[in-house]
C-alpha atoms as a PDB file:
ATOM      1  CA  MET A   1      -0.077   0.164   0.184  1.00  0.00           C
ATOM      2  CA  LEU A   2       1.333   3.662  -0.894  1.00  0.00           C
ATOM      3  CA  THR A   3       0.023   6.562   1.283  1.00  0.00           C
ATOM      4  CA  LEU A   4       0.608   9.928   1.143  1.00  0.00           C
ATOM      5  CA  ASP A   5       1.243  12.509   4.325  1.00  0.00           C
ATOM      6  CA  ILE A   6       0.811  16.255   2.073  1.00  0.00           C
ATOM      7  CA  ARG A   7       2.092  18.355   5.590  1.00  0.00           C
ATOM      8  CA  PRO A   8       2.834  22.226   5.257  1.00  0.00           C
ATOM      9  CA  ASP A   9       6.997  21.983   5.235  1.00  0.00           C
ATOM     10  CA  LYS A  10       7.276  18.502   4.070  1.00  0.00           C
ATOM     11  CA  VAL A  11       5.914  15.284   1.954  1.00  0.00           C
ATOM     12  CA  LEU A  12       6.525  11.552   2.759  1.00  0.00           C
ATOM     13  CA  VAL A  13       5.188   8.952   0.731  1.00  0.00           C
ATOM     14  CA  ARG A  14       5.346   6.139   2.505  1.00  0.00           C
ATOM     15  CA  LEU A  15       5.241   1.858   0.723  1.00  0.00           C
ATOM     16  CA  THR A  16       4.324  -1.387   2.826  1.00  0.00           C
ATOM     17  CA  GLY A  17       4.131  -4.486   2.226  1.00  0.00           C
ATOM     18  CA  TRP A  18       4.946  -6.211  -1.054  1.00  0.00           C
ATOM     19  CA  HIS A  19       4.995  -2.252  -2.260  1.00  0.00           C
ATOM     20  CA  CYS A  20       7.978  -1.554  -0.574  1.00  0.00           C
ATOM     21  CA  VAL A  21       9.666  -4.708  -2.003  1.00  0.00           C
ATOM     22  CA  TRP A  22       8.705  -4.133  -5.513  1.00  0.00           C
ATOM     23  CA  ALA A  23       9.932  -0.615  -5.090  1.00  0.00           C
ATOM     24  CA  LEU A  24      13.071  -2.103  -2.784  1.00  0.00           C
ATOM     25  CA  LYS A  25      12.198   1.647  -0.950  1.00  0.00           C
ATOM     26  CA  ARG A  26      10.415   1.607   2.222  1.00  0.00           C
ATOM     27  CA  LYS A  27       9.678   5.648   2.060  1.00  0.00           C
ATOM     28  CA  LEU A  28      10.653   8.496   0.151  1.00  0.00           C
ATOM     29  CA  GLU A  29      10.692  12.541   1.787  1.00  0.00           C
ATOM     30  CA  PHE A  30      10.861  15.747   0.004  1.00  0.00           C
ATOM     31  CA  SER A  31      10.725  19.400   1.120  1.00  0.00           C
ATOM     32  CA  ARG A  32       7.126  20.996  -0.384  1.00  0.00           C
ATOM     33  CA  ALA A  33       9.389  23.811  -1.262  1.00  0.00           C
ATOM     34  CA  HIS A  34      11.275  22.186  -3.916  1.00  0.00           C
ATOM     35  CA  ILE A  35       8.026  20.971  -6.037  1.00  0.00           C
ATOM     36  CA  VAL A  36       8.516  23.043  -9.579  1.00  0.00           C
ATOM     37  CA  GLY A  37       5.547  20.971 -10.433  1.00  0.00           C
ATOM     38  CA  VAL A  38       2.778  18.805 -10.546  1.00  0.00           C
ATOM     39  CA  ALA A  39       0.629  16.982 -13.424  1.00  0.00           C
ATOM     40  CA  ARG A  40      -1.132  13.922 -14.068  1.00  0.00           C
ATOM     41  CA  LEU A  41       0.537  11.814 -15.791  1.00  0.00           C
ATOM     42  CA  GLU A  42      -0.627   9.396 -18.988  1.00  0.00           C
ATOM     43  CA  ALA A  43      -1.532   5.754 -18.288  1.00  0.00           C
ATOM     44  CA  ARG A  44       1.562   5.171 -21.478  1.00  0.00           C
ATOM     45  CA  ALA A  45       4.157   7.197 -20.483  1.00  0.00           C
ATOM     46  CA  LYS A  46       7.315   5.257 -19.637  1.00  0.00           C
ATOM     47  CA  PRO A  47       9.766   5.799 -17.237  1.00  0.00           C
ATOM     48  CA  PRO A  48      13.680   6.499 -17.884  1.00  0.00           C
ATOM     49  CA  PRO A  49      15.805   3.121 -19.914  1.00  0.00           C
ATOM     50  CA  LEU A  50      18.285   2.265 -16.564  1.00  0.00           C
ATOM     51  CA  ARG A  51      16.435   0.482 -13.378  1.00  0.00           C
ATOM     52  CA  CYS A  52      18.791   0.986 -10.753  1.00  0.00           C
ATOM     53  CA  PRO A  53      17.063  -0.679  -8.367  1.00  0.00           C
ATOM     54  CA  GLY A  54      13.551  -1.650  -8.781  1.00  0.00           C
ATOM     55  CA  THR A  55      11.238  -3.761 -10.840  1.00  0.00           C
ATOM     56  CA  GLY A  56       9.563  -3.398 -14.200  1.00  0.00           C
ATOM     57  CA  ILE A  57       6.968  -4.925 -15.731  1.00  0.00           C
ATOM     58  CA  PRO A  58       6.413  -3.243 -19.238  1.00  0.00           C
ATOM     59  CA  ARG A  59       2.891  -1.948 -18.906  1.00  0.00           C
ATOM     60  CA  VAL A  60       1.651  -3.815 -15.870  1.00  0.00           C
ATOM     61  CA  LEU A  61       4.448  -2.571 -12.999  1.00  0.00           C
ATOM     62  CA  THR A  62       7.379   0.077 -12.675  1.00  0.00           C
ATOM     63  CA  ALA A  63       8.461   0.552  -9.471  1.00  0.00           C
ATOM     64  CA  GLY A  64      11.860   1.786  -7.875  1.00  0.00           C
ATOM     65  CA  SER A  65      15.018   3.965  -9.310  1.00  0.00           C
ATOM     66  CA  TYR A  66      15.085   5.077 -12.281  1.00  0.00           C
ATOM     67  CA  TRP A  67      18.470   7.105 -14.292  1.00  0.00           C
ATOM     68  CA  TRP A  68      19.210   9.171 -17.565  1.00  0.00           C
ATOM     69  CA  PHE A  69      21.987  11.370 -18.000  1.00  0.00           C
ATOM     70  CA  ARG A  70      21.356  13.975 -14.791  1.00  0.00           C
ATOM     71  CA  ARG A  71      17.712  12.451 -14.440  1.00  0.00           C
ATOM     72  CA  HIS A  72      17.045  10.222 -11.385  1.00  0.00           C
ATOM     73  CA  GLU A  73      13.345   9.393 -10.686  1.00  0.00           C
ATOM     74  CA  PHE A  74      10.943   7.504  -8.158  1.00  0.00           C
ATOM     75  CA  TRP A  75       7.989   5.260  -9.686  1.00  0.00           C
ATOM     76  CA  TYR A  76       5.744   3.792  -8.776  1.00  0.00           C
ATOM     77  CA  THR A  77       2.873   2.906 -10.828  1.00  0.00           C
ATOM     78  CA  ARG A  78       0.817   0.465 -12.164  1.00  0.00           C
ATOM     79  CA  HIS A  79      -0.328   2.211 -15.887  1.00  0.00           C
ATOM     80  CA  ARG A  80      -3.734   2.785 -15.079  1.00  0.00           C
ATOM     81  CA  GLY A  81      -3.444   6.187 -15.569  1.00  0.00           C
ATOM     82  CA  ASP A  82      -3.840   7.651 -11.581  1.00  0.00           C
ATOM     83  CA  ALA A  83      -0.031   8.754 -11.682  1.00  0.00           C
ATOM     84  CA  ILE A  84       0.630  11.935 -10.587  1.00  0.00           C
ATOM     85  CA  ALA A  85       3.724  12.911 -11.330  1.00  0.00           C
ATOM     86  CA  ILE A  86       6.524  16.074  -9.056  1.00  0.00           C
ATOM     87  CA  GLU A  87       8.751  18.122 -10.761  1.00  0.00           C
ATOM     88  CA  LEU A  88      11.379  18.448  -8.023  1.00  0.00           C
ATOM     89  CA  ARG A  89      14.576  20.863  -7.899  1.00  0.00           C
ATOM     90  CA  ALA A  90      17.522  20.588  -5.510  1.00  0.00           C
ATOM     91  CA  GLU A  91      16.736  16.496  -4.395  1.00  0.00           C
ATOM     92  CA  LYS A  92      17.904  13.658  -4.067  1.00  0.00           C
ATOM     93  CA  PHE A  93      15.027  12.851  -7.273  1.00  0.00           C
ATOM     94  CA  THR A  94      14.402  15.014 -10.083  1.00  0.00           C
ATOM     95  CA  ARG A  95      10.971  13.794 -10.252  1.00  0.00           C
ATOM     96  CA  VAL A  96       7.985  11.449  -8.317  1.00  0.00           C
ATOM     97  CA  VAL A  97       5.451   9.160  -9.798  1.00  0.00           C
ATOM     98  CA  LEU A  98       2.892   8.083  -7.442  1.00  0.00           C
ATOM     99  CA  ASP A  99      -0.331   5.571  -7.935  1.00  0.00           C
ATOM    100  CA  VAL A 100      -2.642   7.518  -6.027  1.00  0.00           C
ATOM    101  CA  PRO A 101      -6.628   7.011  -5.494  1.00  0.00           C
ATOM    102  CA  ASP A 102      -7.817  10.153  -6.742  1.00  0.00           C
ATOM    103  CA  PRO A 103      -5.454  12.102  -8.785  1.00  0.00           C
ATOM    104  CA  ALA A 104      -7.684  16.014  -8.737  1.00  0.00           C
ATOM    105  CA  GLY A 105      -7.395  15.953  -4.948  1.00  0.00           C
ATOM    106  CA  ILE A 106      -3.715  15.201  -4.348  1.00  0.00           C
ATOM    107  CA  LEU A 107      -2.910  17.822  -7.173  1.00  0.00           C
ATOM    108  CA  ARG A 108      -5.265  20.301  -5.606  1.00  0.00           C
ATOM    109  CA  ARG A 109      -3.765  19.508  -1.881  1.00  0.00           C
ATOM    110  CA  LEU A 110      -0.451  20.291  -3.460  1.00  0.00           C
ATOM    111  CA  TRP A 111      -1.242  23.579  -5.060  1.00  0.00           C
ATOM    112  CA  PRO A 112      -0.224  26.625  -4.855  1.00  0.00           C
ATOM    113  CA  PHE A 113       3.411  25.016  -3.973  1.00  0.00           C
ATOM    114  CA  PRO A 114       4.407  27.696  -0.272  1.00  0.00           C
ATOM    115  CA  PRO A 115       6.161  30.804  -0.810  1.00  0.00           C
END
């Protein structure tokens, strides 16, 4: 299970059960001040080509860390069309892609960014 805890100063992503096994990560935390953009992600979107570490089953599951040149992204999506992409600066990951139960609601909670 994936839970997203949005606080005034930071965002905390927690993975439990098999989800943390597939992604090889239990939690991810980043500052809200470092968010530069948020958007819904299309079901056909693809991660960068180098997976390290993580799990990739084409068109079924993408989970873990992905790299390409200066891009370091964290993905956890089942490609159903209910994923959001959070663009970051000055963090370990440049983009975080997550499946969430209510993408429109999460986007409203993340926008506007804190000053």
